[in-house]
Amino acid sequence: MNKEIEYDKIYYHKYQVPLYMVDGLKRWIERGIYPGSFLTAVIENDLFAALSNADETNINALPAYGYFFYNEAPHGCYGSKKIAKAWHEAGGLNGEKE
């Protein structure tokens, strides 16, 4: 990825990823550390799990997550359980394995 991600400014139209989710998102992308159940479901492209694990703020922010992962996040860090597992095992962008 060529540009640095501005994690605190992830938005799409009126929807914004809440700031309390930024640390988990950053750890996932940079180091491949699995976040909580909601964000893991988003990463694994599991809409029903995302909806069942989301708080009200995150349900409303789903368009921003979708926009971010599709347009801004590194290729290969989201899309399915298999892809997420590979990202985790590779240690994210930094290659830092747990």
C-alpha atoms as a PDB file:
ATOM      1  CA  MET A   1       0.000   0.000   0.000  1.00  0.00           C
ATOM      2  CA  ASN A   2       1.488   3.306  -1.032  1.00  0.00           C
ATOM      3  CA  LYS A   3      -0.246   5.776   1.236  1.00  0.00           C
ATOM      4  CA  GLU A   4      -0.476   5.837   4.986  1.00  0.00           C
ATOM      5  CA  ILE A   5      -3.883   5.047   6.436  1.00  0.00           C
ATOM      6  CA  GLU A   6      -5.507   7.789   8.482  1.00  0.00           C
ATOM      7  CA  TYR A   7      -7.257   5.445  10.901  1.00  0.00           C
ATOM      8  CA  ASP A   8      -9.019   8.217  12.795  1.00  0.00           C
ATOM      9  CA  LYS A   9     -10.673   9.503   9.605  1.00  0.00           C
ATOM     10  CA  ILE A  10     -12.348   6.423   8.168  1.00  0.00           C
ATOM     11  CA  TYR A  11     -15.698   7.533   6.880  1.00  0.00           C
ATOM     12  CA  TYR A  12     -18.124   7.178   4.021  1.00  0.00           C
ATOM     13  CA  HIS A  13     -20.658   9.950   3.504  1.00  0.00           C
ATOM     14  CA  LYS A  14     -22.182  10.513   6.948  1.00  0.00           C
ATOM     15  CA  TYR A  15     -20.926   7.210   8.378  1.00  0.00           C
ATOM     16  CA  GLN A  16     -17.681   6.966  10.340  1.00  0.00           C
ATOM     17  CA  VAL A  17     -15.778   4.121  11.973  1.00  0.00           C
ATOM     18  CA  PRO A  18     -15.872   4.958  15.687  1.00  0.00           C
ATOM     19  CA  LEU A  19     -12.594   5.990  17.252  1.00  0.00           C
ATOM     20  CA  TYR A  20     -12.818   3.206  19.853  1.00  0.00           C
ATOM     21  CA  MET A  21     -12.447   0.698  16.996  1.00  0.00           C
ATOM     22  CA  VAL A  22      -9.295   2.250  15.533  1.00  0.00           C
ATOM     23  CA  ASP A  23      -6.774   0.389  17.729  1.00  0.00           C
ATOM     24  CA  GLY A  24      -8.188  -3.024  16.810  1.00  0.00           C
ATOM     25  CA  LEU A  25      -8.314  -2.111  13.142  1.00  0.00           C
ATOM     26  CA  LYS A  26      -4.750  -0.848  13.195  1.00  0.00           C
ATOM     27  CA  ARG A  27      -3.436  -3.955  15.018  1.00  0.00           C
ATOM     28  CA  TRP A  28      -5.201  -6.136  12.468  1.00  0.00           C
ATOM     29  CA  ILE A  29      -3.800  -4.398   9.423  1.00  0.00           C
ATOM     30  CA  GLU A  30      -0.309  -3.777  10.695  1.00  0.00           C
ATOM     31  CA  ARG A  31       0.315  -6.915  12.768  1.00  0.00           C
ATOM     32  CA  GLY A  32      -2.417  -9.407  11.877  1.00  0.00           C
ATOM     33  CA  ILE A  33      -3.791  -9.540  15.418  1.00  0.00           C
ATOM     34  CA  TYR A  34      -7.409 -10.615  15.399  1.00  0.00           C
ATOM     35  CA  PRO A  35      -9.781  -7.936  16.737  1.00  0.00           C
ATOM     36  CA  GLY A  36     -13.059  -8.548  18.549  1.00  0.00           C
ATOM     37  CA  SER A  37     -15.959 -10.564  17.199  1.00  0.00           C
ATOM     38  CA  PHE A  38     -17.660  -7.724  15.315  1.00  0.00           C
ATOM     39  CA  LEU A  39     -14.604  -6.533  13.428  1.00  0.00           C
ATOM     40  CA  THR A  40     -13.471 -10.106  12.762  1.00  0.00           C
ATOM     41  CA  ALA A  41     -16.873 -10.785  11.187  1.00  0.00           C
ATOM     42  CA  VAL A  42     -16.500  -7.682   8.999  1.00  0.00           C
ATOM     43  CA  ILE A  43     -13.001  -8.788   7.952  1.00  0.00           C
ATOM     44  CA  GLU A  44     -14.247 -12.297   7.167  1.00  0.00           C
ATOM     45  CA  ASN A  45     -17.163 -10.901   5.119  1.00  0.00           C
ATOM     46  CA  ASP A  46     -19.757 -12.468   7.430  1.00  0.00           C
ATOM     47  CA  LEU A  47     -22.638  -9.993   7.467  1.00  0.00           C
ATOM     48  CA  PHE A  48     -24.865 -11.957   9.838  1.00  0.00           C
ATOM     49  CA  ALA A  49     -22.109 -12.380  12.430  1.00  0.00           C
ATOM     50  CA  ALA A  50     -21.210  -8.701  12.091  1.00  0.00           C
ATOM     51  CA  LEU A  51     -24.808  -7.666  12.689  1.00  0.00           C
ATOM     52  CA  SER A  52     -25.242 -10.004  15.644  1.00  0.00           C
ATOM     53  CA  ASN A  53     -22.017  -8.786  17.295  1.00  0.00           C
ATOM     54  CA  ALA A  54     -22.316  -5.060  16.576  1.00  0.00           C
ATOM     55  CA  ASP A  55     -23.303  -2.373  18.995  1.00  0.00           C
ATOM     56  CA  GLU A  56     -25.595   0.381  17.709  1.00  0.00           C
ATOM     57  CA  THR A  57     -22.707   2.629  16.693  1.00  0.00           C
ATOM     58  CA  ASN A  58     -21.021  -0.097  14.643  1.00  0.00           C
ATOM     59  CA  ILE A  59     -24.235  -1.178  12.949  1.00  0.00           C
ATOM     60  CA  ASN A  60     -24.622   2.389  11.746  1.00  0.00           C
ATOM     61  CA  ALA A  61     -20.962   2.493  10.673  1.00  0.00           C
ATOM     62  CA  LEU A  62     -21.107  -0.605   8.436  1.00  0.00           C
ATOM     63  CA  PRO A  63     -21.049   1.476   5.218  1.00  0.00           C
ATOM     64  CA  ALA A  64     -17.807   3.119   6.388  1.00  0.00           C
ATOM     65  CA  TYR A  65     -16.211  -0.266   7.118  1.00  0.00           C
ATOM     66  CA  GLY A  66     -17.231  -1.517   3.696  1.00  0.00           C
ATOM     67  CA  TYR A  67     -15.848   1.542   1.966  1.00  0.00           C
ATOM     68  CA  PHE A  68     -12.609   1.368   3.948  1.00  0.00           C
ATOM     69  CA  PHE A  69     -11.870  -2.289   3.314  1.00  0.00           C
ATOM     70  CA  TYR A  70     -12.777  -2.104  -0.350  1.00  0.00           C
ATOM     71  CA  ASN A  71     -11.008   1.168  -1.167  1.00  0.00           C
ATOM     72  CA  GLU A  72      -8.312   1.812   1.430  1.00  0.00           C
ATOM     73  CA  ALA A  73      -7.236  -1.361   3.216  1.00  0.00           C
ATOM     74  CA  PRO A  74      -4.368  -3.487   1.924  1.00  0.00           C
ATOM     75  CA  HIS A  75      -5.353  -6.201  -0.511  1.00  0.00           C
ATOM     76  CA  GLY A  76      -5.390  -9.556   1.217  1.00  0.00           C
ATOM     77  CA  CYS A  77      -6.420  -8.422   4.703  1.00  0.00           C
ATOM     78  CA  TYR A  78     -10.160  -9.053   4.317  1.00  0.00           C
ATOM     79  CA  GLY A  79     -12.707 -11.063   2.364  1.00  0.00           C
ATOM     80  CA  SER A  80     -13.116 -14.508   3.944  1.00  0.00           C
ATOM     81  CA  LYS A  81     -12.050 -16.667   6.885  1.00  0.00           C
ATOM     82  CA  LYS A  82      -9.339 -18.232   4.740  1.00  0.00           C
ATOM     83  CA  ILE A  83      -7.951 -14.846   3.691  1.00  0.00           C
ATOM     84  CA  ALA A  84      -8.099 -13.544   7.275  1.00  0.00           C
ATOM     85  CA  LYS A  85      -6.270 -16.602   8.570  1.00  0.00           C
ATOM     86  CA  ALA A  86      -3.498 -16.110   5.986  1.00  0.00           C
ATOM     87  CA  TRP A  87      -3.196 -12.417   6.947  1.00  0.00           C
ATOM     88  CA  HIS A  88      -2.977 -13.383  10.618  1.00  0.00           C
ATOM     89  CA  GLU A  89      -0.378 -16.066   9.975  1.00  0.00           C
ATOM     90  CA  ALA A  90       1.716 -13.637   7.900  1.00  0.00           C
ATOM     91  CA  GLY A  91       1.693 -11.080  10.736  1.00  0.00           C
ATOM     92  CA  GLY A  92      -0.111  -8.363   8.805  1.00  0.00           C
ATOM     93  CA  LEU A  93       1.691  -5.662   6.859  1.00  0.00           C
ATOM     94  CA  ASN A  94       4.643  -5.644   9.241  1.00  0.00           C
ATOM     95  CA  GLY A  95       5.085  -9.420   9.208  1.00  0.00           C
ATOM     96  CA  GLU A  96       5.116  -9.552  13.015  1.00  0.00           C
ATOM     97  CA  LYS A  97       3.896 -12.969  14.017  1.00  0.00           C
ATOM     98  CA  GLU A  98       2.487 -13.457  17.511  1.00  0.00           C
END
